[in-house]
Protein backbone atom coordinates (compact mmCIF):
# COMPACT_ATOMS: atom_id res chain seq x y z
CA MET A 1 -0.19 -0.05 -0.08
CA LEU A 2 2.86 2.22 0.83
CA LYS A 3 4.58 1.45 -2.42
CA GLN A 4 1.86 1.70 -4.79
CA GLY A 5 -0.83 3.87 -2.84
CA LEU A 6 -4.12 2.94 -1.62
CA ARG A 7 -6.17 3.04 -4.87
CA ALA A 8 -3.46 1.29 -6.85
CA THR A 9 -2.84 -1.53 -4.24
CA SER A 10 -4.63 -4.90 -5.14
CA MET A 11 -5.30 -7.71 -2.87
CA GLU A 12 -3.00 -9.78 -5.22
CA ALA A 13 -0.30 -7.41 -4.50
CA ILE A 14 -0.91 -7.52 -0.90
CA ALA A 15 -0.81 -11.08 -0.84
CA ARG A 16 2.35 -11.10 -2.94
CA GLU A 17 4.27 -8.84 -0.62
CA ALA A 18 2.86 -10.76 2.43
CA ARG A 19 4.14 -13.87 0.83
CA ILE A 20 0.79 -15.52 1.49
CA ALA A 21 -1.92 -17.11 -0.87
CA LYS A 22 -4.63 -15.05 -1.95
CA PRO A 23 -7.28 -17.27 -0.45
CA THR A 24 -5.45 -17.18 2.87
CA LEU A 25 -5.52 -13.21 2.70
CA TYR A 26 -9.39 -13.37 1.77
CA ALA A 27 -10.00 -15.71 4.86
CA GLN A 28 -8.80 -12.85 7.05
CA PHE A 29 -9.75 -9.74 5.13
CA THR A 30 -12.99 -9.30 2.73
CA ASP A 31 -11.08 -6.37 0.68
CA LYS A 32 -8.03 -3.97 0.56
CA ASP A 33 -10.25 -1.50 2.53
CA ALA A 34 -10.50 -4.36 5.29
CA VAL A 35 -6.59 -4.92 5.15
CA PHE A 36 -6.05 -0.83 5.53
CA SER A 37 -8.49 -0.81 8.46
CA GLY A 38 -6.61 -3.39 10.41
CA ILE A 39 -3.25 -1.87 9.58
CA ILE A 40 -5.03 1.64 10.99
CA ASP A 41 -6.20 -0.25 14.16
CA GLU A 42 -2.70 -1.52 14.66
CA MET A 43 -0.90 2.21 14.07
CA ILE A 44 -3.76 3.81 16.59
CA GLY A 45 -2.31 1.51 19.30
CA ASP A 46 1.06 2.13 18.59
CA LEU A 47 0.50 5.90 18.19
CA LEU A 48 -1.72 6.18 21.45
CA ALA A 49 1.28 4.15 23.08
CA ALA A 50 3.77 6.50 21.98
CA TYR A 51 1.74 9.61 23.07
CA ASP A 52 1.19 8.07 26.51
CA SER A 53 4.77 7.56 27.00
CA GLY A 54 5.64 11.31 26.07
CA MET A 55 2.84 12.21 28.57
CA ALA A 56 4.50 10.40 31.29
CA GLY A 57 7.72 11.55 30.87
CA GLY A 58 9.95 14.37 32.70
CA GLY A 59 10.04 18.06 32.16
CA ASP A 60 7.26 20.48 31.98
CA ILE A 61 4.21 20.61 30.11
CA ALA A 62 5.55 21.90 27.20
CA GLU A 63 8.29 19.31 27.03
CA ARG A 64 5.92 16.34 27.85
CA VAL A 65 3.33 17.63 25.17
CA GLY A 66 6.19 17.95 22.74
CA ALA A 67 7.19 14.45 23.23
CA ALA A 68 3.90 12.94 23.49
CA LEU A 69 2.93 14.57 19.89
CA ALA A 70 6.31 13.90 18.44
CA GLY A 71 5.95 10.16 19.47
CA LYS A 72 2.38 10.20 18.04
CA TYR A 73 3.13 11.45 14.61
CA GLY A 74 6.47 10.05 14.86
CA VAL A 75 4.67 6.65 14.46
CA ILE A 76 2.89 7.76 11.49
CA ALA A 77 5.82 9.40 9.87
CA GLY A 78 7.88 6.06 10.57
CA VAL A 79 5.34 4.27 8.82
CA LEU A 80 4.96 6.50 5.67
CA ALA A 81 8.54 7.25 5.52
CA GLY A 82 9.78 7.01 2.08
CA SER A 83 6.28 6.44 0.45
CA ALA A 84 5.64 8.55 -2.54
CA HIS A 85 1.73 8.16 -1.70
CA ALA A 86 1.94 9.56 1.81
CA ALA A 87 -0.43 12.70 0.89
CA GLU A 88 -2.91 10.00 -0.20
CA LEU A 89 -2.68 7.98 2.73
CA TYR A 90 -2.65 10.86 4.86
CA ASP A 91 -6.04 11.81 3.19
CA GLU A 92 -7.44 8.69 4.17
CA HIS A 93 -7.70 10.18 7.82
CA ASN A 94 -10.80 12.07 6.58
CA ARG A 95 -12.38 8.67 5.35
CA LEU A 96 -11.63 7.20 8.91
CA ALA A 97 -12.43 10.34 10.79
CA GLY A 98 -14.68 8.33 13.15
CA ARG A 99 -11.92 6.24 14.28
CA PHE A 100 -9.41 9.06 14.46
CA ARG A 101 -11.86 11.38 16.16
CA ALA A 102 -12.04 9.42 19.35
CA VAL A 103 -8.01 9.40 19.54
CA ASP A 104 -7.84 13.20 18.56
CA GLU A 105 -10.73 13.81 21.36
CA ARG A 106 -9.04 12.08 23.81
CA VAL A 107 -5.59 13.62 23.31
CA ARG A 108 -6.99 17.14 22.91
CA ASP A 109 -8.84 16.83 26.38
CA GLU A 110 -6.02 15.52 28.22
CA ILE A 111 -3.48 18.08 26.85
CA ALA A 112 -6.19 20.90 27.79
CA ALA A 113 -6.37 19.26 31.42
CA GLU A 114 -2.59 19.42 31.74
CA LEU A 115 -2.65 23.07 30.42
CA ARG A 116 -5.43 24.11 32.72
CA GLY A 117 -3.36 22.34 35.77
CA ALA A 118 -0.59 24.36 34.67
CA GLY A 119 -2.27 27.67 35.33
CA VAL A 120 -2.75 28.20 31.02
CA ALA A 121 -5.95 30.68 30.93
CA ASP A 122 -7.63 29.48 27.51
CA ALA A 123 -6.16 25.82 28.00
CA GLU A 124 -8.85 24.51 25.38
CA ALA A 125 -7.85 26.65 22.68
CA LEU A 126 -4.08 26.32 23.17
CA ALA A 127 -4.74 22.53 22.77
CA ARG A 128 -6.74 22.94 19.67
CA LEU A 129 -3.85 25.16 18.12
CA VAL A 130 -1.09 22.85 19.41
CA LEU A 131 -2.59 19.88 17.95
CA ALA A 132 -3.55 21.39 14.50
CA SER A 133 -0.04 22.88 14.42
CA ALA A 134 1.40 19.22 15.12
CA TYR A 135 -0.73 17.54 12.43
CA GLY A 136 0.25 20.35 9.76
CA ILE A 137 4.12 19.60 11.07
CA ALA A 138 3.43 15.89 10.32
CA ARG A 139 1.93 16.45 6.95
CA LYS A 140 4.71 18.89 5.64
CA PHE A 141 7.98 17.56 7.28
CA GLY A 142 9.60 14.21 5.81
CA SER A 143 11.02 12.08 8.11
CA GLU A 144 10.58 10.94 11.70
CA ALA A 145 13.34 12.81 13.25
CA GLU A 146 12.15 16.31 11.47
CA VAL A 147 8.39 15.87 12.57
CA GLY A 148 9.76 15.06 16.19
CA ALA A 149 12.00 18.19 16.20
CA GLY A 150 9.46 20.45 14.62
CA ILE A 151 6.55 19.30 16.78
CA ARG A 152 8.85 19.70 20.05
CA LEU A 153 10.01 23.31 19.03
CA MET A 154 6.45 24.23 18.07
CA CYS A 155 5.36 23.20 21.71
CA ARG A 156 8.28 25.21 23.59
CA ARG A 157 7.13 28.35 21.31
CA LEU A 158 3.42 28.05 21.83
CA ILE A 159 2.94 26.35 25.56
CA GLY A 160 6.45 27.52 26.95
CA PRO A 161 5.25 31.55 27.12
CA GLU A 162 1.73 30.58 28.60
CA LEU A 163 3.61 28.79 31.45
CA GLY A 164 4.55 32.26 32.85
């Protein structure tokens, strides 16, 4: 899927890449969308684990949010690294919005609560801004390292001054 993009990928190509027979693949997945859905489910688990690890780390709230979001989007950047079809796969976020919305809401609410606890006046607005910025950085930057560095810098610049 990463080599050819979702639209151009066939079940035959998936089976060949996985080195399994097509009937074996069809026994587990009805179509390529089901395969993609399974990949997304696994990736959501991985990105939440990376996010949770960052939030549990040391440092002030700007550093922890930076580490958490760098971890979350780093998982995605790592999966999409080198794919000529990264934009197409990111666009699938819209099609799978319900599954990602729950993740995004959890992350937003947790960051807003942490910001509120740190004395930030408009914690909800800042949390939304930080998340939108992190998403933009992840879409525009290439490597996992660039995404992580960009998100950490953005968090220091946006959250740091609010900590007074």
